[in-house]
């Protein structure tokens, strides 16, 4: 066995923690943007609000893409661990007489 399941599970836990933290920050940024844009539209500064909104939307898209990639990475690590453990079991079964 060339891998340590405990370390891989710790990696998965870390990745899930990152996903949770990024999701929280994404939601906080989106909420703050809505409040800020609401105030800006009321002040009549539509040009600056539109520019900010465009940049914010780009950031939200980037964060959503990052969360998708992170989620896919977590799935792939889990699948690799499961496959490795299944292979270990198959090899072990070959030596049972």
PDB file of N, CA and C in Angstrom:
ATOM      1  N   UNK A   1       0.868  -1.171   0.000  1.00  0.00           N
ATOM      2  CA  UNK A   1       0.000   0.000   0.000  1.00  0.00           C
ATOM      3  C   UNK A   1       0.911   1.230   0.000  1.00  0.00           C
ATOM      4  N   UNK A   2       0.755   2.072  -0.989  1.00  0.00           N
ATOM      5  CA  UNK A   2       1.587   3.264  -1.122  1.00  0.00           C
ATOM      6  C   UNK A   2       0.859   4.536  -0.724  1.00  0.00           C
ATOM      7  N   UNK A   3      -0.249   4.408  -0.056  1.00  0.00           N
ATOM      8  CA  UNK A   3      -1.018   5.577   0.349  1.00  0.00           C
ATOM      9  C   UNK A   3      -1.465   5.384   1.786  1.00  0.00           C
ATOM     10  N   UNK A   4      -1.797   6.501   2.408  1.00  0.00           N
ATOM     11  CA  UNK A   4      -2.255   6.468   3.793  1.00  0.00           C
ATOM     12  C   UNK A   4      -3.707   6.954   3.817  1.00  0.00           C
ATOM     13  N   UNK A   5      -4.658   6.041   4.008  1.00  0.00           N
ATOM     14  CA  UNK A   5      -6.071   6.429   3.977  1.00  0.00           C
ATOM     15  C   UNK A   5      -6.414   7.556   4.958  1.00  0.00           C
ATOM     16  N   UNK A   6      -5.767   7.563   6.114  1.00  0.00           N
ATOM     17  CA  UNK A   6      -6.052   8.615   7.098  1.00  0.00           C
ATOM     18  C   UNK A   6      -5.649   9.992   6.563  1.00  0.00           C
ATOM     19  N   UNK A   7      -4.506  10.038   5.883  1.00  0.00           N
ATOM     20  CA  UNK A   7      -4.053  11.315   5.321  1.00  0.00           C
ATOM     21  C   UNK A   7      -4.947  11.746   4.165  1.00  0.00           C
ATOM     22  N   UNK A   8      -5.399  10.787   3.384  1.00  0.00           N
ATOM     23  CA  UNK A   8      -6.290  11.123   2.274  1.00  0.00           C
ATOM     24  C   UNK A   8      -7.638  11.612   2.809  1.00  0.00           C
ATOM     25  N   UNK A   9      -8.141  10.977   3.852  1.00  0.00           N
ATOM     26  CA  UNK A   9      -9.379  11.458   4.467  1.00  0.00           C
ATOM     27  C   UNK A   9      -9.193  12.847   5.077  1.00  0.00           C
ATOM     28  N   UNK A  10      -8.003  13.107   5.632  1.00  0.00           N
ATOM     29  CA  UNK A  10      -7.710  14.446   6.156  1.00  0.00           C
ATOM     30  C   UNK A  10      -7.690  15.464   5.018  1.00  0.00           C
ATOM     31  N   UNK A  11      -7.139  15.071   3.870  1.00  0.00           N
ATOM     32  CA  UNK A  11      -7.142  15.943   2.690  1.00  0.00           C
ATOM     33  C   UNK A  11      -8.571  16.256   2.263  1.00  0.00           C
ATOM     34  N   UNK A  12      -9.411  15.237   2.231  1.00  0.00           N
ATOM     35  CA  UNK A  12     -10.813  15.446   1.859  1.00  0.00           C
ATOM     36  C   UNK A  12     -11.482  16.404   2.836  1.00  0.00           C
ATOM     37  N   UNK A  13     -11.215  16.231   4.121  1.00  0.00           N
ATOM     38  CA  UNK A  13     -11.779  17.125   5.139  1.00  0.00           C
ATOM     39  C   UNK A  13     -11.308  18.557   4.918  1.00  0.00           C
ATOM     40  N   UNK A  14     -10.017  18.724   4.623  1.00  0.00           N
ATOM     41  CA  UNK A  14      -9.482  20.061   4.344  1.00  0.00           C
ATOM     42  C   UNK A  14     -10.156  20.680   3.121  1.00  0.00           C
ATOM     43  N   UNK A  15     -10.284  19.898   2.055  1.00  0.00           N
ATOM     44  CA  UNK A  15     -10.913  20.412   0.831  1.00  0.00           C
ATOM     45  C   UNK A  15     -12.369  20.801   1.084  1.00  0.00           C
ATOM     46  N   UNK A  16     -13.076  19.998   1.868  1.00  0.00           N
ATOM     47  CA  UNK A  16     -14.464  20.338   2.202  1.00  0.00           C
ATOM     48  C   UNK A  16     -14.520  21.610   3.045  1.00  0.00           C
ATOM     49  N   UNK A  17     -13.547  21.794   3.929  1.00  0.00           N
ATOM     50  CA  UNK A  17     -13.476  23.024   4.716  1.00  0.00           C
ATOM     51  C   UNK A  17     -13.243  24.243   3.841  1.00  0.00           C
ATOM     52  N   UNK A  18     -12.351  24.083   2.840  1.00  0.00           N
ATOM     53  CA  UNK A  18     -12.112  25.181   1.897  1.00  0.00           C
ATOM     54  C   UNK A  18     -13.390  25.508   1.126  1.00  0.00           C
ATOM     55  N   UNK A  19     -14.098  24.458   0.707  1.00  0.00           N
ATOM     56  CA  UNK A  19     -15.333  24.679  -0.048  1.00  0.00           C
ATOM     57  C   UNK A  19     -16.357  25.421   0.812  1.00  0.00           C
ATOM     58  N   UNK A  20     -16.466  25.043   2.063  1.00  0.00           N
ATOM     59  CA  UNK A  20     -17.403  25.712   2.968  1.00  0.00           C
ATOM     60  C   UNK A  20     -17.015  27.177   3.171  1.00  0.00           C
ATOM     61  N   UNK A  21     -15.723  27.420   3.390  1.00  0.00           N
ATOM     62  CA  UNK A  21     -15.253  28.794   3.603  1.00  0.00           C
ATOM     63  C   UNK A  21     -15.459  29.656   2.360  1.00  0.00           C
ATOM     64  N   UNK A  22     -15.149  29.102   1.195  1.00  0.00           N
ATOM     65  CA  UNK A  22     -15.317  29.862  -0.051  1.00  0.00           C
ATOM     66  C   UNK A  22     -16.798  30.127  -0.309  1.00  0.00           C
ATOM     67  N   UNK A  23     -17.640  29.151  -0.036  1.00  0.00           N
ATOM     68  CA  UNK A  23     -19.082  29.341  -0.216  1.00  0.00           C
ATOM     69  C   UNK A  23     -19.593  30.443   0.703  1.00  0.00           C
ATOM     70  N   UNK A  24     -19.131  30.438   1.942  1.00  0.00           N
ATOM     71  CA  UNK A  24     -19.536  31.477   2.890  1.00  0.00           C
ATOM     72  C   UNK A  24     -19.098  32.857   2.408  1.00  0.00           C
ATOM     73  N   UNK A  25     -17.844  32.966   1.977  1.00  0.00           N
ATOM     74  CA  UNK A  25     -17.338  34.256   1.489  1.00  0.00           C
ATOM     75  C   UNK A  25     -18.059  34.695   0.223  1.00  0.00           C
ATOM     76  N   UNK A  26     -18.375  33.755  -0.641  1.00  0.00           N
ATOM     77  CA  UNK A  26     -19.115  34.083  -1.859  1.00  0.00           C
ATOM     78  C   UNK A  26     -20.481  34.652  -1.506  1.00  0.00           C
ATOM     79  N   UNK A  27     -21.168  33.993  -0.579  1.00  0.00           N
ATOM     80  CA  UNK A  27     -22.492  34.467  -0.168  1.00  0.00           C
ATOM     81  C   UNK A  27     -22.414  35.817   0.526  1.00  0.00           C
ATOM     82  N   UNK A  28     -21.399  36.016   1.367  1.00  0.00           N
ATOM     83  CA  UNK A  28     -21.221  37.313   2.032  1.00  0.00           C
ATOM     84  C   UNK A  28     -20.964  38.419   1.009  1.00  0.00           C
ATOM     85  N   UNK A  29     -20.128  38.122   0.019  1.00  0.00           N
ATOM     86  CA  UNK A  29     -19.826  39.124  -1.017  1.00  0.00           C
ATOM     87  C   UNK A  29     -21.069  39.447  -1.828  1.00  0.00           C
ATOM     88  N   UNK A  30     -21.862  38.443  -2.129  1.00  0.00           N
ATOM     89  CA  UNK A  30     -23.080  38.677  -2.903  1.00  0.00           C
ATOM     90  C   UNK A  30     -24.082  39.511  -2.107  1.00  0.00           C
ATOM     91  N   UNK A  31     -24.241  39.199  -0.834  1.00  0.00           N
ATOM     92  CA  UNK A  31     -25.143  39.986   0.022  1.00  0.00           C
ATOM     93  C   UNK A  31     -24.671  41.431   0.144  1.00  0.00           C
ATOM     94  N   UNK A  32     -23.364  41.608   0.357  1.00  0.00           N
ATOM     95  CA  UNK A  32     -22.816  42.966   0.472  1.00  0.00           C
ATOM     96  C   UNK A  32     -22.995  43.730  -0.832  1.00  0.00           C
ATOM     97  N   UNK A  33     -22.817  43.069  -1.945  1.00  0.00           N
ATOM     98  CA  UNK A  33     -22.989  43.711  -3.241  1.00  0.00           C
ATOM     99  C   UNK A  33     -24.421  44.200  -3.427  1.00  0.00           C
ATOM    100  N   UNK A  34     -25.364  43.363  -3.049  1.00  0.00           N
ATOM    101  CA  UNK A  34     -26.776  43.759  -3.185  1.00  0.00           C
ATOM    102  C   UNK A  34     -27.081  44.986  -2.347  1.00  0.00           C
ATOM    103  N   UNK A  35     -26.547  45.019  -1.133  1.00  0.00           N
ATOM    104  CA  UNK A  35     -26.779  46.195  -0.266  1.00  0.00           C
ATOM    105  C   UNK A  35     -26.108  47.436  -0.861  1.00  0.00           C
ATOM    106  N   UNK A  36     -24.874  47.262  -1.317  1.00  0.00           N
ATOM    107  CA  UNK A  36     -24.126  48.384  -1.879  1.00  0.00           C
ATOM    108  C   UNK A  36     -24.785  48.907  -3.144  1.00  0.00           C
ATOM    109  N   UNK A  37     -25.203  48.009  -4.018  1.00  0.00           N
ATOM    110  CA  UNK A  37     -25.847  48.431  -5.259  1.00  0.00           C
ATOM    111  C   UNK A  37     -27.182  49.107  -4.974  1.00  0.00           C
ATOM    112  N   UNK A  38     -27.898  48.623  -3.969  1.00  0.00           N
ATOM    113  CA  UNK A  38     -29.158  49.262  -3.588  1.00  0.00           C
ATOM    114  C   UNK A  38     -28.935  50.703  -3.158  1.00  0.00           C
ATOM    115  N   UNK A  39     -27.882  50.940  -2.399  1.00  0.00           N
ATOM    116  CA  UNK A  39     -27.565  52.299  -1.957  1.00  0.00           C
ATOM    117  C   UNK A  39     -27.081  53.160  -3.118  1.00  0.00           C
ATOM    118  N   UNK A  40     -26.278  52.569  -4.005  1.00  0.00           N
ATOM    119  CA  UNK A  40     -25.733  53.338  -5.130  1.00  0.00           C
ATOM    120  C   UNK A  40     -26.831  53.744  -6.101  1.00  0.00           C
ATOM    121  N   UNK A  41     -27.778  52.836  -6.377  1.00  0.00           N
ATOM    122  CA  UNK A  41     -28.853  53.187  -7.303  1.00  0.00           C
ATOM    123  C   UNK A  41     -29.687  54.311  -6.709  1.00  0.00           C
ATOM    124  N   UNK A  42     -29.878  54.291  -5.405  1.00  0.00           N
ATOM    125  CA  UNK A  42     -30.665  55.345  -4.756  1.00  0.00           C
ATOM    126  C   UNK A  42     -29.941  56.682  -4.813  1.00  0.00           C
ATOM    127  N   UNK A  43     -28.607  56.660  -4.827  1.00  0.00           N
ATOM    128  CA  UNK A  43     -27.851  57.910  -4.861  1.00  0.00           C
ATOM    129  C   UNK A  43     -27.767  58.475  -6.276  1.00  0.00           C
ATOM    130  N   UNK A  44     -28.160  57.699  -7.271  1.00  0.00           N
ATOM    131  CA  UNK A  44     -28.163  58.185  -8.639  1.00  0.00           C
ATOM    132  C   UNK A  44     -26.861  57.973  -9.389  1.00  0.00           C
ATOM    133  N   UNK A  45     -25.942  57.220  -8.816  1.00  0.00           N
ATOM    134  CA  UNK A  45     -24.654  56.984  -9.470  1.00  0.00           C
ATOM    135  C   UNK A  45     -24.721  55.686 -10.267  1.00  0.00           C
ATOM    136  N   UNK A  46     -25.513  55.706 -11.330  1.00  0.00           N
ATOM    137  CA  UNK A  46     -25.782  54.495 -12.101  1.00  0.00           C
ATOM    138  C   UNK A  46     -24.541  53.993 -12.837  1.00  0.00           C
ATOM    139  N   UNK A  47     -23.687  54.881 -13.318  1.00  0.00           N
ATOM    140  CA  UNK A  47     -22.501  54.460 -14.073  1.00  0.00           C
ATOM    141  C   UNK A  47     -21.545  53.644 -13.222  1.00  0.00           C
ATOM    142  N   UNK A  48     -21.244  54.144 -12.034  1.00  0.00           N
ATOM    143  CA  UNK A  48     -20.343  53.417 -11.139  1.00  0.00           C
ATOM    144  C   UNK A  48     -20.986  52.111 -10.687  1.00  0.00           C
ATOM    145  N   UNK A  49     -22.273  52.138 -10.463  1.00  0.00           N
ATOM    146  CA  UNK A  49     -22.970  50.928 -10.036  1.00  0.00           C
ATOM    147  C   UNK A  49     -22.928  49.861 -11.113  1.00  0.00           C
ATOM    148  N   UNK A  50     -23.094  50.274 -12.350  1.00  0.00           N
ATOM    149  CA  UNK A  50     -23.058  49.309 -13.453  1.00  0.00           C
ATOM    150  C   UNK A  50     -21.667  48.699 -13.594  1.00  0.00           C
ATOM    151  N   UNK A  51     -20.637  49.517 -13.464  1.00  0.00           N
ATOM    152  CA  UNK A  51     -19.264  49.016 -13.561  1.00  0.00           C
ATOM    153  C   UNK A  51     -18.969  48.052 -12.420  1.00  0.00           C
ATOM    154  N   UNK A  52     -19.370  48.426 -11.214  1.00  0.00           N
ATOM    155  CA  UNK A  52     -19.174  47.547 -10.062  1.00  0.00           C
ATOM    156  C   UNK A  52     -19.939  46.245 -10.252  1.00  0.00           C
ATOM    157  N   UNK A  53     -21.174  46.350 -10.698  1.00  0.00           N
ATOM    158  CA  UNK A  53     -22.011  45.169 -10.887  1.00  0.00           C
ATOM    159  C   UNK A  53     -21.377  44.193 -11.879  1.00  0.00           C
ATOM    160  N   UNK A  54     -20.817  44.734 -12.946  1.00  0.00           N
ATOM    161  CA  UNK A  54     -20.174  43.880 -13.947  1.00  0.00           C
ATOM    162  C   UNK A  54     -18.971  43.154 -13.346  1.00  0.00           C
ATOM    163  N   UNK A  55     -18.134  43.865 -12.607  1.00  0.00           N
ATOM    164  CA  UNK A  55     -16.966  43.245 -11.978  1.00  0.00           C
ATOM    165  C   UNK A  55     -17.398  42.221 -10.933  1.00  0.00           C
ATOM    166  N   UNK A  56     -18.431  42.564 -10.182  1.00  0.00           N
ATOM    167  CA  UNK A  56     -18.935  41.647  -9.155  1.00  0.00           C
ATOM    168  C   UNK A  56     -19.470  40.363  -9.791  1.00  0.00           C
ATOM    169  N   UNK A  57     -20.206  40.496 -10.867  1.00  0.00           N
ATOM    170  CA  UNK A  57     -20.740  39.316 -11.543  1.00  0.00           C
ATOM    171  C   UNK A  57     -19.620  38.419 -12.073  1.00  0.00           C
ATOM    172  N   UNK A  58     -18.549  39.037 -12.569  1.00  0.00           N
ATOM    173  CA  UNK A  58     -17.392  38.268 -13.024  1.00  0.00           C
ATOM    174  C   UNK A  58     -16.766  37.518 -11.855  1.00  0.00           C
ATOM    175  N   UNK A  59     -16.635  38.192 -10.722  1.00  0.00           N
ATOM    176  CA  UNK A  59     -16.088  37.551  -9.525  1.00  0.00           C
ATOM    177  C   UNK A  59     -16.970  36.392  -9.068  1.00  0.00           C
ATOM    178  N   UNK A  60     -18.270  36.569  -9.078  1.00  0.00           N
ATOM    179  CA  UNK A  60     -19.185  35.507  -8.646  1.00  0.00           C
ATOM    180  C   UNK A  60     -19.091  34.302  -9.589  1.00  0.00           C
ATOM    181  N   UNK A  61     -18.968  34.568 -10.882  1.00  0.00           N
ATOM    182  CA  UNK A  61     -18.808  33.478 -11.849  1.00  0.00           C
ATOM    183  C   UNK A  61     -17.511  32.727 -11.587  1.00  0.00           C
ATOM    184  N   UNK A  62     -16.433  33.467 -11.334  1.00  0.00           N
ATOM    185  CA  UNK A  62     -15.146  32.840 -11.039  1.00  0.00           C
ATOM    186  C   UNK A  62     -15.227  31.999  -9.768  1.00  0.00           C
ATOM    187  N   UNK A  63     -15.894  32.516  -8.748  1.00  0.00           N
ATOM    188  CA  UNK A  63     -16.024  31.768  -7.497  1.00  0.00           C
ATOM    189  C   UNK A  63     -16.888  30.522  -7.696  1.00  0.00           C
ATOM    190  N   UNK A  64     -17.948  30.653  -8.477  1.00  0.00           N
ATOM    191  CA  UNK A  64     -18.787  29.482  -8.766  1.00  0.00           C
ATOM    192  C   UNK A  64     -17.983  28.418  -9.516  1.00  0.00           C
ATOM    193  N   UNK A  65     -17.161  28.853 -10.470  1.00  0.00           N
ATOM    194  CA  UNK A  65     -16.306  27.914 -11.206  1.00  0.00           C
ATOM    195  C   UNK A  65     -15.312  27.236 -10.262  1.00  0.00           C
ATOM    196  N   UNK A  66     -14.722  28.021  -9.360  1.00  0.00           N
ATOM    197  CA  UNK A  66     -13.782  27.466  -8.387  1.00  0.00           C
ATOM    198  C   UNK A  66     -14.466  26.439  -7.493  1.00  0.00           C
ATOM    199  N   UNK A  67     -15.675  26.753  -7.044  1.00  0.00           N
ATOM    200  CA  UNK A  67     -16.414  25.812  -6.199  1.00  0.00           C
ATOM    201  C   UNK A  67     -16.748  24.531  -6.955  1.00  0.00           C
ATOM    202  N   UNK A  68     -17.073  24.667  -8.226  1.00  0.00           N
ATOM    203  CA  UNK A  68     -17.359  23.487  -9.044  1.00  0.00           C
ATOM    204  C   UNK A  68     -16.109  22.612  -9.183  1.00  0.00           C
ATOM    205  N   UNK A  69     -14.980  23.236  -9.474  1.00  0.00           N
ATOM    206  CA  UNK A  69     -13.724  22.501  -9.626  1.00  0.00           C
ATOM    207  C   UNK A  69     -13.325  21.847  -8.304  1.00  0.00           C
ATOM    208  N   UNK A  70     -13.486  22.570  -7.222  1.00  0.00           N
ATOM    209  CA  UNK A  70     -13.163  22.025  -5.904  1.00  0.00           C
ATOM    210  C   UNK A  70     -14.053  20.826  -5.578  1.00  0.00           C
ATOM    211  N   UNK A  71     -15.340  20.949  -5.871  1.00  0.00           N
ATOM    212  CA  UNK A  71     -16.264  19.840  -5.638  1.00  0.00           C
ATOM    213  C   UNK A  71     -15.898  18.629  -6.475  1.00  0.00           C
ATOM    214  N   UNK A  72     -15.525  18.863  -7.722  1.00  0.00           N
ATOM    215  CA  UNK A  72     -15.110  17.764  -8.598  1.00  0.00           C
ATOM    216  C   UNK A  72     -13.828  17.120  -8.073  1.00  0.00           C
ATOM    217  N   UNK A  73     -12.925  17.938  -7.577  1.00  0.00           N
ATOM    218  CA  UNK A  73     -11.686  17.415  -6.999  1.00  0.00           C
ATOM    219  C   UNK A  73     -11.960  16.527  -5.795  1.00  0.00           C
ATOM    220  N   UNK A  74     -12.872  16.946  -4.941  1.00  0.00           N
ATOM    221  CA  UNK A  74     -13.242  16.147  -3.778  1.00  0.00           C
ATOM    222  C   UNK A  74     -13.817  14.805  -4.223  1.00  0.00           C
ATOM    223  N   UNK A  75     -14.705  14.846  -5.213  1.00  0.00           N
ATOM    224  CA  UNK A  75     -15.287  13.605  -5.740  1.00  0.00           C
ATOM    225  C   UNK A  75     -14.197  12.682  -6.297  1.00  0.00           C
ATOM    226  N   UNK A  76     -13.239  13.249  -7.022  1.00  0.00           N
ATOM    227  CA  UNK A  76     -12.176  12.440  -7.629  1.00  0.00           C
ATOM    228  C   UNK A  76     -11.266  11.811  -6.579  1.00  0.00           C
ATOM    229  N   UNK A  77     -10.947  12.579  -5.527  1.00  0.00           N
ATOM    230  CA  UNK A  77     -10.104  12.037  -4.458  1.00  0.00           C
ATOM    231  C   UNK A  77     -10.833  10.902  -3.747  1.00  0.00           C
ATOM    232  N   UNK A  78     -12.119  11.104  -3.468  1.00  0.00           N
ATOM    233  CA  UNK A  78     -12.904  10.037  -2.833  1.00  0.00           C
ATOM    234  C   UNK A  78     -12.943   8.780  -3.709  1.00  0.00           C
ATOM    235  N   UNK A  79     -13.182   8.977  -4.995  1.00  0.00           N
ATOM    236  CA  UNK A  79     -13.258   7.843  -5.918  1.00  0.00           C
ATOM    237  C   UNK A  79     -11.921   7.110  -5.989  1.00  0.00           C
ATOM    238  N   UNK A  80     -10.823   7.860  -6.005  1.00  0.00           N
ATOM    239  CA  UNK A  80      -9.504   7.233  -6.061  1.00  0.00           C
ATOM    240  C   UNK A  80      -9.233   6.432  -4.792  1.00  0.00           C
ATOM    241  N   UNK A  81      -9.630   6.974  -3.640  1.00  0.00           N
ATOM    242  CA  UNK A  81      -9.443   6.249  -2.388  1.00  0.00           C
ATOM    243  C   UNK A  81     -10.271   4.973  -2.376  1.00  0.00           C
ATOM    244  N   UNK A  82     -11.509   5.079  -2.799  1.00  0.00           N
ATOM    245  CA  UNK A  82     -12.373   3.888  -2.838  1.00  0.00           C
ATOM    246  C   UNK A  82     -11.801   2.825  -3.781  1.00  0.00           C
ATOM    247  N   UNK A  83     -11.307   3.266  -4.927  1.00  0.00           N
ATOM    248  CA  UNK A  83     -10.739   2.319  -5.888  1.00  0.00           C
ATOM    249  C   UNK A  83      -9.484   1.655  -5.322  1.00  0.00           C
ATOM    250  N   UNK A  84      -8.638   2.452  -4.670  1.00  0.00           N
ATOM    251  CA  UNK A  84      -7.417   1.902  -4.083  1.00  0.00           C
ATOM    252  C   UNK A  84      -7.750   0.897  -2.986  1.00  0.00           C
ATOM    253  N   UNK A  85      -8.738   1.223  -2.166  1.00  0.00           N
ATOM    254  CA  UNK A  85      -9.116   0.305  -1.095  1.00  0.00           C
ATOM    255  C   UNK A  85      -9.734  -0.972  -1.664  1.00  0.00           C
ATOM    256  N   UNK A  86     -10.510  -0.841  -2.713  1.00  0.00           N
ATOM    257  CA  UNK A  86     -11.094  -2.034  -3.354  1.00  0.00           C
ATOM    258  C   UNK A  86     -10.001  -2.900  -3.962  1.00  0.00           C
ATOM    259  N   UNK A  87      -9.017  -2.261  -4.571  1.00  0.00           N
ATOM    260  CA  UNK A  87      -7.891  -3.000  -5.147  1.00  0.00           C
ATOM    261  C   UNK A  87      -7.132  -3.722  -4.043  1.00  0.00           C
ATOM    262  N   UNK A  88      -6.901  -3.045  -2.918  1.00  0.00           N
ATOM    263  CA  UNK A  88      -6.224  -3.681  -1.789  1.00  0.00           C
ATOM    264  C   UNK A  88      -6.982  -4.922  -1.349  1.00  0.00           C
ATOM    265  N   UNK A  89      -8.305  -4.809  -1.281  1.00  0.00           N
ATOM    266  CA  UNK A  89      -9.125  -5.942  -0.850  1.00  0.00           C
ATOM    267  C   UNK A  89      -9.054  -7.081  -1.854  1.00  0.00           C
ATOM    268  N   UNK A  90      -9.076  -6.752  -3.133  1.00  0.00           N
ATOM    269  CA  UNK A  90      -8.970  -7.795  -4.170  1.00  0.00           C
ATOM    270  C   UNK A  90      -7.635  -8.519  -4.100  1.00  0.00           C
ATOM    271  N   UNK A  91      -6.572  -7.768  -3.893  1.00  0.00           N
ATOM    272  CA  UNK A  91      -5.246  -8.377  -3.770  1.00  0.00           C
ATOM    273  C   UNK A  91      -5.191  -9.251  -2.525  1.00  0.00           C
ATOM    274  N   UNK A  92      -5.730  -8.748  -1.423  1.00  0.00           N
ATOM    275  CA  UNK A  92      -5.757  -9.527  -0.182  1.00  0.00           C
ATOM    276  C   UNK A  92      -6.548 -10.811  -0.372  1.00  0.00           C
ATOM    277  N   UNK A  93      -7.665 -10.724  -1.094  1.00  0.00           N
ATOM    278  CA  UNK A  93      -8.489 -11.908  -1.344  1.00  0.00           C
ATOM    279  C   UNK A  93      -7.734 -12.963  -2.157  1.00  0.00           C
ATOM    280  N   UNK A  94      -6.813 -12.513  -3.015  1.00  0.00           N
ATOM    281  CA  UNK A  94      -6.039 -13.452  -3.815  1.00  0.00           C
ATOM    282  C   UNK A  94      -5.127 -14.337  -2.964  1.00  0.00           C
ATOM    283  N   UNK A  95      -4.800 -13.857  -1.766  1.00  0.00           N
ATOM    284  CA  UNK A  95      -3.889 -14.602  -0.907  1.00  0.00           C
ATOM    285  C   UNK A  95      -4.613 -15.411   0.174  1.00  0.00           C
ATOM    286  N   UNK A  96      -5.936 -15.403   0.126  1.00  0.00           N
ATOM    287  CA  UNK A  96      -6.700 -16.216   1.067  1.00  0.00           C
ATOM    288  C   UNK A  96      -6.861 -17.597   0.453  1.00  0.00           C
ATOM    289  N   UNK A  97      -6.471 -18.609   1.197  1.00  0.00           N
ATOM    290  CA  UNK A  97      -6.493 -19.980   0.652  1.00  0.00           C
ATOM    291  C   UNK A  97      -7.646 -20.746   1.220  1.00  0.00           C
TER     292      UNK A  97
END
